[in-house]
Each structure stands twice: as structure tokens, then as C-alpha cells.
PDB file of N, CA and C in Angstrom:
ATOM      1  N   MET A   1     -24.283 -50.466  42.297  1.00  0.00           N
ATOM      2  CA  MET A   1     -24.402 -50.097  43.700  1.00  0.00           C
ATOM      3  C   MET A   1     -23.323 -49.076  44.060  1.00  0.00           C
ATOM      4  N   TYR A   2     -23.615 -48.250  45.030  1.00  0.00           N
ATOM      5  CA  TYR A   2     -22.658 -47.211  45.420  1.00  0.00           C
ATOM      6  C   TYR A   2     -22.534 -47.162  46.944  1.00  0.00           C
ATOM      7  N   LYS A   3     -21.462 -46.529  47.407  1.00  0.00           N
ATOM      8  CA  LYS A   3     -21.213 -46.382  48.843  1.00  0.00           C
ATOM      9  C   LYS A   3     -21.831 -45.075  49.323  1.00  0.00           C
ATOM     10  N   GLU A   4     -21.857 -44.912  50.648  1.00  0.00           N
ATOM     11  CA  GLU A   4     -22.302 -43.650  51.243  1.00  0.00           C
ATOM     12  C   GLU A   4     -21.255 -43.202  52.255  1.00  0.00           C
ATOM     13  N   GLN A   5     -21.115 -41.876  52.393  1.00  0.00           N
ATOM     14  CA  GLN A   5     -20.245 -41.306  53.422  1.00  0.00           C
ATOM     15  C   GLN A   5     -20.979 -40.133  54.045  1.00  0.00           C
ATOM     16  N   LEU A   6     -21.019 -40.119  55.365  1.00  0.00           N
ATOM     17  CA  LEU A   6     -21.678 -39.033  56.090  1.00  0.00           C
ATOM     18  C   LEU A   6     -20.903 -37.728  55.915  1.00  0.00           C
ATOM     19  N   PRO A   7     -21.605 -36.589  56.037  1.00  0.00           N
ATOM     20  CA  PRO A   7     -20.940 -35.284  55.874  1.00  0.00           C
ATOM     21  C   PRO A   7     -19.693 -35.123  56.742  1.00  0.00           C
ATOM     22  N   GLU A   8     -19.721 -35.645  57.984  1.00  0.00           N
ATOM     23  CA  GLU A   8     -18.545 -35.502  58.870  1.00  0.00           C
ATOM     24  C   GLU A   8     -17.336 -36.217  58.290  1.00  0.00           C
ATOM     25  N   VAL A   9     -17.566 -37.376  57.658  1.00  0.00           N
ATOM     26  CA  VAL A   9     -16.471 -38.146  57.062  1.00  0.00           C
ATOM     27  C   VAL A   9     -15.899 -37.398  55.860  1.00  0.00           C
ATOM     28  N   VAL A  10     -16.788 -36.847  55.045  1.00  0.00           N
ATOM     29  CA  VAL A  10     -16.351 -36.080  53.866  1.00  0.00           C
ATOM     30  C   VAL A  10     -15.529 -34.872  54.318  1.00  0.00           C
ATOM     31  N   GLN A  11     -16.018 -34.183  55.352  1.00  0.00           N
ATOM     32  CA  GLN A  11     -15.311 -33.019  55.889  1.00  0.00           C
ATOM     33  C   GLN A  11     -13.924 -33.402  56.387  1.00  0.00           C
ATOM     34  N   GLU A  12     -13.825 -34.518  57.092  1.00  0.00           N
ATOM     35  CA  GLU A  12     -12.561 -35.015  57.612  1.00  0.00           C
ATOM     36  C   GLU A  12     -11.599 -35.308  56.472  1.00  0.00           C
ATOM     37  N   ARG A  13     -12.104 -35.930  55.404  1.00  0.00           N
ATOM     38  CA  ARG A  13     -11.263 -36.237  54.238  1.00  0.00           C
ATOM     39  C   ARG A  13     -10.738 -34.952  53.608  1.00  0.00           C
ATOM     40  N   MET A  14     -11.579 -33.913  53.543  1.00  0.00           N
ATOM     41  CA  MET A  14     -11.149 -32.634  52.971  1.00  0.00           C
ATOM     42  C   MET A  14     -10.079 -31.995  53.859  1.00  0.00           C
ATOM     43  N   LYS A  15     -10.256 -32.077  55.165  1.00  0.00           N
ATOM     44  CA  LYS A  15      -9.261 -31.525  56.096  1.00  0.00           C
ATOM     45  C   LYS A  15      -7.908 -32.208  55.921  1.00  0.00           C
ATOM     46  N   ARG A  16      -7.928 -33.509  55.629  1.00  0.00           N
ATOM     47  CA  ARG A  16      -6.693 -34.265  55.420  1.00  0.00           C
ATOM     48  C   ARG A  16      -6.110 -34.021  54.028  1.00  0.00           C
ATOM     49  N   LYS A  17      -6.731 -33.152  53.282  1.00  0.00           N
ATOM     50  CA  LYS A  17      -6.271 -32.773  51.937  1.00  0.00           C
ATOM     51  C   LYS A  17      -6.304 -33.947  50.964  1.00  0.00           C
ATOM     52  N   GLU A  18      -7.241 -34.902  51.204  1.00  0.00           N
ATOM     53  CA  GLU A  18      -7.408 -35.993  50.245  1.00  0.00           C
ATOM     54  C   GLU A  18      -7.943 -35.404  48.953  1.00  0.00           C
ATOM     55  N   ASN A  19      -7.692 -36.085  47.858  1.00  0.00           N
ATOM     56  CA  ASN A  19      -8.192 -35.623  46.569  1.00  0.00           C
ATOM     57  C   ASN A  19      -9.676 -35.969  46.467  1.00  0.00           C
ATOM     58  N   VAL A  20     -10.506 -35.104  47.055  1.00  0.00           N
ATOM     59  CA  VAL A  20     -11.946 -35.339  47.118  1.00  0.00           C
ATOM     60  C   VAL A  20     -12.641 -34.518  46.035  1.00  0.00           C
ATOM     61  N   VAL A  21     -13.363 -35.208  45.156  1.00  0.00           N
ATOM     62  CA  VAL A  21     -14.140 -34.517  44.126  1.00  0.00           C
ATOM     63  C   VAL A  21     -15.595 -34.527  44.578  1.00  0.00           C
ATOM     64  N   ILE A  22     -16.190 -33.337  44.634  1.00  0.00           N
ATOM     65  CA  ILE A  22     -17.575 -33.222  45.080  1.00  0.00           C
ATOM     66  C   ILE A  22     -18.425 -32.701  43.935  1.00  0.00           C
ATOM     67  N   LEU A  23     -19.528 -33.399  43.700  1.00  0.00           N
ATOM     68  CA  LEU A  23     -20.489 -33.016  42.659  1.00  0.00           C
ATOM     69  C   LEU A  23     -21.794 -32.645  43.343  1.00  0.00           C
ATOM     70  N   ASP A  24     -22.218 -31.395  43.166  1.00  0.00           N
ATOM     71  CA  ASP A  24     -23.466 -30.892  43.748  1.00  0.00           C
ATOM     72  C   ASP A  24     -24.541 -30.941  42.672  1.00  0.00           C
ATOM     73  N   VAL A  25     -25.625 -31.691  42.930  1.00  0.00           N
ATOM     74  CA  VAL A  25     -26.659 -31.885  41.910  1.00  0.00           C
ATOM     75  C   VAL A  25     -27.926 -31.058  42.192  1.00  0.00           C
ATOM     76  N   ARG A  26     -27.816 -30.062  43.083  1.00  0.00           N
ATOM     77  CA  ARG A  26     -28.983 -29.223  43.385  1.00  0.00           C
ATOM     78  C   ARG A  26     -29.226 -28.214  42.263  1.00  0.00           C
ATOM     79  N   GLU A  27     -30.377 -27.566  42.320  1.00  0.00           N
ATOM     80  CA  GLU A  27     -30.710 -26.538  41.328  1.00  0.00           C
ATOM     81  C   GLU A  27     -29.846 -25.301  41.562  1.00  0.00           C
ATOM     82  N   SER A  28     -29.785 -24.414  40.564  1.00  0.00           N
ATOM     83  CA  SER A  28     -28.911 -23.238  40.621  1.00  0.00           C
ATOM     84  C   SER A  28     -29.176 -22.340  41.826  1.00  0.00           C
ATOM     85  N   GLU A  29     -30.472 -22.119  42.150  1.00  0.00           N
ATOM     86  CA  GLU A  29     -30.753 -21.229  43.284  1.00  0.00           C
ATOM     87  C   GLU A  29     -30.221 -21.824  44.585  1.00  0.00           C
ATOM     88  N   GLU A  30     -30.327 -23.148  44.723  1.00  0.00           N
ATOM     89  CA  GLU A  30     -29.829 -23.815  45.925  1.00  0.00           C
ATOM     90  C   GLU A  30     -28.308 -23.717  45.994  1.00  0.00           C
ATOM     91  N   TRP A  31     -27.669 -23.941  44.860  1.00  0.00           N
ATOM     92  CA  TRP A  31     -26.199 -23.854  44.753  1.00  0.00           C
ATOM     93  C   TRP A  31     -25.729 -22.467  45.179  1.00  0.00           C
ATOM     94  N   GLU A  32     -26.394 -21.419  44.653  1.00  0.00           N
ATOM     95  CA  GLU A  32     -25.994 -20.040  44.952  1.00  0.00           C
ATOM     96  C   GLU A  32     -26.205 -19.688  46.415  1.00  0.00           C
ATOM     97  N   SER A  33     -27.140 -20.374  47.086  1.00  0.00           N
ATOM     98  CA  SER A  33     -27.415 -20.067  48.490  1.00  0.00           C
ATOM     99  C   SER A  33     -26.408 -20.735  49.436  1.00  0.00           C
ATOM    100  N   GLY A  34     -25.427 -21.437  48.884  1.00  0.00           N
ATOM    101  CA  GLY A  34     -24.351 -21.995  49.685  1.00  0.00           C
ATOM    102  C   GLY A  34     -23.966 -23.396  49.252  1.00  0.00           C
ATOM    103  N   HIS A  35     -22.670 -23.578  48.951  1.00  0.00           N
ATOM    104  CA  HIS A  35     -22.167 -24.882  48.523  1.00  0.00           C
ATOM    105  C   HIS A  35     -20.768 -25.122  49.081  1.00  0.00           C
ATOM    106  N   ILE A  36     -20.331 -26.367  48.982  1.00  0.00           N
ATOM    107  CA  ILE A  36     -19.019 -26.766  49.486  1.00  0.00           C
ATOM    108  C   ILE A  36     -17.942 -26.179  48.564  1.00  0.00           C
ATOM    109  N   PRO A  37     -16.923 -25.528  49.156  1.00  0.00           N
ATOM    110  CA  PRO A  37     -15.858 -24.944  48.328  1.00  0.00           C
ATOM    111  C   PRO A  37     -15.221 -25.988  47.415  1.00  0.00           C
ATOM    112  N   GLY A  38     -15.044 -25.616  46.135  1.00  0.00           N
ATOM    113  CA  GLY A  38     -14.397 -26.496  45.174  1.00  0.00           C
ATOM    114  C   GLY A  38     -15.319 -27.515  44.530  1.00  0.00           C
ATOM    115  N   ALA A  39     -16.592 -27.554  44.955  1.00  0.00           N
ATOM    116  CA  ALA A  39     -17.533 -28.519  44.373  1.00  0.00           C
ATOM    117  C   ALA A  39     -17.830 -28.165  42.922  1.00  0.00           C
ATOM    118  N   LYS A  40     -18.166 -29.186  42.150  1.00  0.00           N
ATOM    119  CA  LYS A  40     -18.604 -28.996  40.766  1.00  0.00           C
ATOM    120  C   LYS A  40     -20.132 -28.986  40.791  1.00  0.00           C
ATOM    121  N   HIS A  41     -20.751 -28.124  39.999  1.00  0.00           N
ATOM    122  CA  HIS A  41     -22.212 -28.014  39.992  1.00  0.00           C
ATOM    123  C   HIS A  41     -22.784 -28.515  38.673  1.00  0.00           C
ATOM    124  N   ILE A  42     -23.554 -29.608  38.753  1.00  0.00           N
ATOM    125  CA  ILE A  42     -24.326 -30.094  37.603  1.00  0.00           C
ATOM    126  C   ILE A  42     -25.694 -30.493  38.153  1.00  0.00           C
ATOM    127  N   PRO A  43     -26.741 -29.692  37.895  1.00  0.00           N
ATOM    128  CA  PRO A  43     -28.069 -30.064  38.403  1.00  0.00           C
ATOM    129  C   PRO A  43     -28.466 -31.469  37.948  1.00  0.00           C
ATOM    130  N   LEU A  44     -29.217 -32.164  38.799  1.00  0.00           N
ATOM    131  CA  LEU A  44     -29.600 -33.546  38.537  1.00  0.00           C
ATOM    132  C   LEU A  44     -30.164 -33.750  37.137  1.00  0.00           C
ATOM    133  N   GLY A  45     -31.018 -32.844  36.674  1.00  0.00           N
ATOM    134  CA  GLY A  45     -31.642 -32.980  35.364  1.00  0.00           C
ATOM    135  C   GLY A  45     -30.674 -32.880  34.195  1.00  0.00           C
ATOM    136  N   GLN A  46     -29.443 -32.420  34.467  1.00  0.00           N
ATOM    137  CA  GLN A  46     -28.454 -32.257  33.390  1.00  0.00           C
ATOM    138  C   GLN A  46     -27.330 -33.288  33.437  1.00  0.00           C
ATOM    139  N   ILE A  47     -27.397 -34.203  34.411  1.00  0.00           N
ATOM    140  CA  ILE A  47     -26.319 -35.188  34.588  1.00  0.00           C
ATOM    141  C   ILE A  47     -26.042 -35.993  33.312  1.00  0.00           C
ATOM    142  N   ALA A  48     -27.085 -36.506  32.679  1.00  0.00           N
ATOM    143  CA  ALA A  48     -26.899 -37.359  31.500  1.00  0.00           C
ATOM    144  C   ALA A  48     -26.169 -36.615  30.387  1.00  0.00           C
ATOM    145  N   ARG A  49     -26.416 -35.298  30.265  1.00  0.00           N
ATOM    146  CA  ARG A  49     -25.764 -34.510  29.210  1.00  0.00           C
ATOM    147  C   ARG A  49     -24.343 -34.115  29.585  1.00  0.00           C
ATOM    148  N   ALA A  50     -23.988 -34.249  30.876  1.00  0.00           N
ATOM    149  CA  ALA A  50     -22.686 -33.752  31.342  1.00  0.00           C
ATOM    150  C   ALA A  50     -21.703 -34.869  31.686  1.00  0.00           C
ATOM    151  N   LEU A  51     -21.983 -36.087  31.244  1.00  0.00           N
ATOM    152  CA  LEU A  51     -21.107 -37.214  31.579  1.00  0.00           C
ATOM    153  C   LEU A  51     -19.661 -36.970  31.145  1.00  0.00           C
ATOM    154  N   ASN A  52     -19.487 -36.280  30.018  1.00  0.00           N
ATOM    155  CA  ASN A  52     -18.129 -36.019  29.519  1.00  0.00           C
ATOM    156  C   ASN A  52     -17.360 -35.034  30.396  1.00  0.00           C
ATOM    157  N   GLU A  53     -18.061 -34.363  31.338  1.00  0.00           N
ATOM    158  CA  GLU A  53     -17.394 -33.416  32.241  1.00  0.00           C
ATOM    159  C   GLU A  53     -16.885 -34.104  33.501  1.00  0.00           C
ATOM    160  N   MET A  54     -17.126 -35.405  33.593  1.00  0.00           N
ATOM    161  CA  MET A  54     -16.746 -36.133  34.799  1.00  0.00           C
ATOM    162  C   MET A  54     -15.766 -37.249  34.467  1.00  0.00           C
ATOM    163  N   ASP A  55     -14.876 -37.537  35.414  1.00  0.00           N
ATOM    164  CA  ASP A  55     -13.913 -38.617  35.259  1.00  0.00           C
ATOM    165  C   ASP A  55     -14.532 -39.893  35.831  1.00  0.00           C
ATOM    166  N   GLN A  56     -14.724 -40.880  34.979  1.00  0.00           N
ATOM    167  CA  GLN A  56     -15.401 -42.115  35.363  1.00  0.00           C
ATOM    168  C   GLN A  56     -14.666 -42.867  36.478  1.00  0.00           C
ATOM    169  N   LYS A  57     -13.341 -42.790  36.481  1.00  0.00           N
ATOM    170  CA  LYS A  57     -12.526 -43.531  37.452  1.00  0.00           C
ATOM    171  C   LYS A  57     -12.382 -42.784  38.784  1.00  0.00           C
ATOM    172  N   GLN A  58     -12.424 -41.462  38.731  1.00  0.00           N
ATOM    173  CA  GLN A  58     -12.224 -40.640  39.930  1.00  0.00           C
ATOM    174  C   GLN A  58     -13.384 -40.821  40.908  1.00  0.00           C
ATOM    175  N   GLU A  59     -13.067 -41.130  42.153  1.00  0.00           N
ATOM    176  CA  GLU A  59     -14.106 -41.230  43.168  1.00  0.00           C
ATOM    177  C   GLU A  59     -14.767 -39.856  43.331  1.00  0.00           C
ATOM    178  N   THR A  60     -16.091 -39.818  43.183  1.00  0.00           N
ATOM    179  CA  THR A  60     -16.828 -38.556  43.239  1.00  0.00           C
ATOM    180  C   THR A  60     -17.918 -38.651  44.300  1.00  0.00           C
ATOM    181  N   ILE A  61     -17.930 -37.676  45.211  1.00  0.00           N
ATOM    182  CA  ILE A  61     -18.945 -37.622  46.259  1.00  0.00           C
ATOM    183  C   ILE A  61     -20.077 -36.733  45.761  1.00  0.00           C
ATOM    184  N   VAL A  62     -21.286 -37.295  45.731  1.00  0.00           N
ATOM    185  CA  VAL A  62     -22.439 -36.585  45.172  1.00  0.00           C
ATOM    186  C   VAL A  62     -23.286 -36.026  46.315  1.00  0.00           C
ATOM    187  N   VAL A  63     -23.644 -34.730  46.176  1.00  0.00           N
ATOM    188  CA  VAL A  63     -24.308 -33.985  47.241  1.00  0.00           C
ATOM    189  C   VAL A  63     -25.570 -33.297  46.723  1.00  0.00           C
ATOM    190  N   CYS A  64     -26.616 -33.269  47.550  1.00  0.00           N
ATOM    191  CA  CYS A  64     -27.798 -32.434  47.287  1.00  0.00           C
ATOM    192  C   CYS A  64     -28.224 -31.808  48.625  1.00  0.00           C
ATOM    193  N   ARG A  65     -29.485 -31.466  48.774  1.00  0.00           N
ATOM    194  CA  ARG A  65     -29.931 -30.852  50.029  1.00  0.00           C
ATOM    195  C   ARG A  65     -30.020 -31.877  51.150  1.00  0.00           C
ATOM    196  N   SER A  66     -30.624 -33.040  50.855  1.00  0.00           N
ATOM    197  CA  SER A  66     -30.874 -34.010  51.928  1.00  0.00           C
ATOM    198  C   SER A  66     -30.313 -35.405  51.669  1.00  0.00           C
ATOM    199  N   GLY A  67     -29.946 -35.711  50.435  1.00  0.00           N
ATOM    200  CA  GLY A  67     -29.426 -37.035  50.098  1.00  0.00           C
ATOM    201  C   GLY A  67     -30.309 -37.805  49.139  1.00  0.00           C
ATOM    202  N   ASN A  68     -31.518 -37.309  48.843  1.00  0.00           N
ATOM    203  CA  ASN A  68     -32.418 -38.023  47.926  1.00  0.00           C
ATOM    204  C   ASN A  68     -31.985 -37.880  46.469  1.00  0.00           C
ATOM    205  N   ARG A  69     -31.827 -36.641  46.003  1.00  0.00           N
ATOM    206  CA  ARG A  69     -31.427 -36.431  44.606  1.00  0.00           C
ATOM    207  C   ARG A  69     -30.018 -36.962  44.352  1.00  0.00           C
ATOM    208  N   SER A  70     -29.140 -36.802  45.340  1.00  0.00           N
ATOM    209  CA  SER A  70     -27.783 -37.325  45.156  1.00  0.00           C
ATOM    210  C   SER A  70     -27.827 -38.855  45.059  1.00  0.00           C
ATOM    211  N   GLY A  71     -28.756 -39.489  45.786  1.00  0.00           N
ATOM    212  CA  GLY A  71     -28.938 -40.939  45.667  1.00  0.00           C
ATOM    213  C   GLY A  71     -29.394 -41.325  44.271  1.00  0.00           C
ATOM    214  N   GLN A  72     -30.319 -40.535  43.709  1.00  0.00           N
ATOM    215  CA  GLN A  72     -30.776 -40.791  42.338  1.00  0.00           C
ATOM    216  C   GLN A  72     -29.617 -40.640  41.357  1.00  0.00           C
ATOM    217  N   ALA A  73     -28.823 -39.583  41.555  1.00  0.00           N
ATOM    218  CA  ALA A  73     -27.671 -39.356  40.680  1.00  0.00           C
ATOM    219  C   ALA A  73     -26.681 -40.515  40.801  1.00  0.00           C
ATOM    220  N   CYS A  74     -26.457 -40.994  42.033  1.00  0.00           N
ATOM    221  CA  CYS A  74     -25.540 -42.118  42.249  1.00  0.00           C
ATOM    222  C   CYS A  74     -26.054 -43.386  41.577  1.00  0.00           C
ATOM    223  N   ASP A  75     -27.375 -43.634  41.673  1.00  0.00           N
ATOM    224  CA  ASP A  75     -27.969 -44.792  40.989  1.00  0.00           C
ATOM    225  C   ASP A  75     -27.625 -44.752  39.504  1.00  0.00           C
ATOM    226  N   PHE A  76     -27.893 -43.594  38.897  1.00  0.00           N
ATOM    227  CA  PHE A  76     -27.666 -43.431  37.463  1.00  0.00           C
ATOM    228  C   PHE A  76     -26.179 -43.538  37.127  1.00  0.00           C
ATOM    229  N   LEU A  77     -25.353 -42.768  37.830  1.00  0.00           N
ATOM    230  CA  LEU A  77     -23.923 -42.725  37.507  1.00  0.00           C
ATOM    231  C   LEU A  77     -23.244 -44.070  37.745  1.00  0.00           C
ATOM    232  N   SER A  78     -23.604 -44.747  38.842  1.00  0.00           N
ATOM    233  CA  SER A  78     -22.976 -46.050  39.095  1.00  0.00           C
ATOM    234  C   SER A  78     -23.392 -47.063  38.021  1.00  0.00           C
ATOM    235  N   SER A  79     -24.623 -46.948  37.520  1.00  0.00           N
ATOM    236  CA  SER A  79     -25.063 -47.853  36.446  1.00  0.00           C
ATOM    237  C   SER A  79     -24.299 -47.590  35.150  1.00  0.00           C
ATOM    238  N   MET A  80     -23.741 -46.396  35.018  1.00  0.00           N
ATOM    239  CA  MET A  80     -22.952 -46.037  33.841  1.00  0.00           C
ATOM    240  C   MET A  80     -21.456 -46.299  34.061  1.00  0.00           C
ATOM    241  N   GLY A  81     -21.124 -46.876  35.226  1.00  0.00           N
ATOM    242  CA  GLY A  81     -19.732 -47.239  35.488  1.00  0.00           C
ATOM    243  C   GLY A  81     -18.919 -46.197  36.231  1.00  0.00           C
ATOM    244  N   TYR A  82     -19.567 -45.153  36.761  1.00  0.00           N
ATOM    245  CA  TYR A  82     -18.844 -44.116  37.500  1.00  0.00           C
ATOM    246  C   TYR A  82     -18.628 -44.540  38.945  1.00  0.00           C
ATOM    247  N   ASN A  83     -17.517 -44.077  39.533  1.00  0.00           N
ATOM    248  CA  ASN A  83     -17.138 -44.384  40.904  1.00  0.00           C
ATOM    249  C   ASN A  83     -17.706 -43.285  41.814  1.00  0.00           C
ATOM    250  N   VAL A  84     -18.926 -43.486  42.325  1.00  0.00           N
ATOM    251  CA  VAL A  84     -19.613 -42.432  43.081  1.00  0.00           C
ATOM    252  C   VAL A  84     -19.942 -42.858  44.505  1.00  0.00           C
ATOM    253  N   ILE A  85     -20.036 -41.835  45.369  1.00  0.00           N
ATOM    254  CA  ILE A  85     -20.407 -42.013  46.778  1.00  0.00           C
ATOM    255  C   ILE A  85     -21.505 -41.010  47.075  1.00  0.00           C
ATOM    256  N   ASN A  86     -22.586 -41.467  47.695  1.00  0.00           N
ATOM    257  CA  ASN A  86     -23.666 -40.563  48.101  1.00  0.00           C
ATOM    258  C   ASN A  86     -23.343 -39.999  49.486  1.00  0.00           C
ATOM    259  N   MET A  87     -23.700 -38.712  49.705  1.00  0.00           N
ATOM    260  CA  MET A  87     -23.540 -38.098  51.021  1.00  0.00           C
ATOM    261  C   MET A  87     -24.928 -37.932  51.648  1.00  0.00           C
ATOM    262  N   PRO A  88     -25.385 -38.947  52.440  1.00  0.00           N
ATOM    263  CA  PRO A  88     -26.714 -38.859  53.045  1.00  0.00           C
ATOM    264  C   PRO A  88     -26.784 -37.687  54.018  1.00  0.00           C
ATOM    265  N   GLY A  89     -27.941 -37.030  54.052  1.00  0.00           N
ATOM    266  CA  GLY A  89     -28.088 -35.839  54.887  1.00  0.00           C
ATOM    267  C   GLY A  89     -27.797 -34.576  54.114  1.00  0.00           C
ATOM    268  N   GLY A  90     -26.965 -34.704  53.080  1.00  0.00           N
ATOM    269  CA  GLY A  90     -26.677 -33.589  52.175  1.00  0.00           C
ATOM    270  C   GLY A  90     -26.257 -32.307  52.867  1.00  0.00           C
ATOM    271  N   MET A  91     -26.530 -31.198  52.198  1.00  0.00           N
ATOM    272  CA  MET A  91     -26.140 -29.880  52.705  1.00  0.00           C
ATOM    273  C   MET A  91     -26.870 -29.537  53.998  1.00  0.00           C
ATOM    274  N   SER A  92     -28.022 -30.149  54.245  1.00  0.00           N
ATOM    275  CA  SER A  92     -28.750 -29.851  55.489  1.00  0.00           C
ATOM    276  C   SER A  92     -27.982 -30.360  56.710  1.00  0.00           C
ATOM    277  N   LYS A  93     -27.059 -31.306  56.519  1.00  0.00           N
ATOM    278  CA  LYS A  93     -26.244 -31.825  57.626  1.00  0.00           C
ATOM    279  C   LYS A  93     -24.785 -31.372  57.545  1.00  0.00           C
ATOM    280  N   TRP A  94     -24.452 -30.557  56.549  1.00  0.00           N
ATOM    281  CA  TRP A  94     -23.065 -30.106  56.345  1.00  0.00           C
ATOM    282  C   TRP A  94     -22.726 -29.001  57.335  1.00  0.00           C
ATOM    283  N   SER A  95     -21.627 -29.178  58.069  1.00  0.00           N
ATOM    284  CA  SER A  95     -21.223 -28.143  59.014  1.00  0.00           C
ATOM    285  C   SER A  95     -19.864 -27.546  58.656  1.00  0.00           C
ATOM    286  N   GLY A  96     -19.345 -27.925  57.503  1.00  0.00           N
ATOM    287  CA  GLY A  96     -18.051 -27.424  57.050  1.00  0.00           C
ATOM    288  C   GLY A  96     -18.176 -26.060  56.375  1.00  0.00           C
ATOM    289  N   ASP A  97     -17.105 -25.655  55.732  1.00  0.00           N
ATOM    290  CA  ASP A  97     -17.081 -24.367  55.030  1.00  0.00           C
ATOM    291  C   ASP A  97     -18.117 -24.353  53.919  1.00  0.00           C
ATOM    292  N   ILE A  98     -18.632 -23.135  53.681  1.00  0.00           N
ATOM    293  CA  ILE A  98     -19.614 -22.936  52.609  1.00  0.00           C
ATOM    294  C   ILE A  98     -19.231 -21.662  51.858  1.00  0.00           C
ATOM    295  N   VAL A  99     -19.348 -21.691  50.546  1.00  0.00           N
ATOM    296  CA  VAL A  99     -19.181 -20.481  49.742  1.00  0.00           C
ATOM    297  C   VAL A  99     -20.510 -20.168  49.078  1.00  0.00           C
ATOM    298  N   TYR A 100     -20.714 -18.890  48.796  1.00  0.00           N
ATOM    299  CA  TYR A 100     -21.988 -18.419  48.250  1.00  0.00           C
ATOM    300  C   TYR A 100     -21.796 -17.837  46.868  1.00  0.00           C
ATOM    301  N   GLY A 101     -22.873 -17.811  46.102  1.00  0.00           N
ATOM    302  CA  GLY A 101     -22.839 -17.238  44.758  1.00  0.00           C
ATOM    303  C   GLY A 101     -22.597 -18.316  43.721  1.00  0.00           C
ATOM    304  N   VAL A 102     -22.312 -17.855  42.510  1.00  0.00           N
ATOM    305  CA  VAL A 102     -22.216 -18.773  41.387  1.00  0.00           C
ATOM    306  C   VAL A 102     -20.937 -19.579  41.405  1.00  0.00           C
TER     307      VAL A 102
END
């Protein structure tokens, strides 16, 4: 099982300079059209192959467009022992800073 944090809460944590790790599981075109600064990009379909790129103990906030794919990623990652949080509403509800491109 995993926790959820709304975009406003995640934004507040970033403003407080908490050590927030964000994993964006959207496809490349979606990522390039705007993502949270400092986020790591691993499309949902590649998560299983990229487990070694993630710290199992580090709390990681998982993001997609609306919260569905990030929920799927959280289901999988939490079952593998990762400390993950889903961000319901995803990028469609994000009002914080956004960077564009790769």
C-alpha cells in the first residue's frame, strides 16, 4: 500500500526545500511538453527495467498526467518494497514551476 499527496502539498514541500524526489512516469512527448523541475523521468512501461536507478528507501513521489499511471507505478513499486507516494491529479493539477524539453 502507498500514500497519496496532493500537488499543493508536494509544491509546499519543495518550497520548504525538503529532500523531495519526484518520478515522472509519463511518455517522452508528455515529459517534453512540461515537467516538474528536478524530476526523474522513467516512463511507466520501463519501470521494471529501471529499478536499479531508484533508491528503495528514499521517499519518492510518483507523477503522471492525472494520477492513474502513477497509481499503477506505486502499486508495482510498493509491492517491490519501494517507499512511494502517488500524486493524485498529476500534472493536470500542478500549478508549480514547469520546465520544458528533454
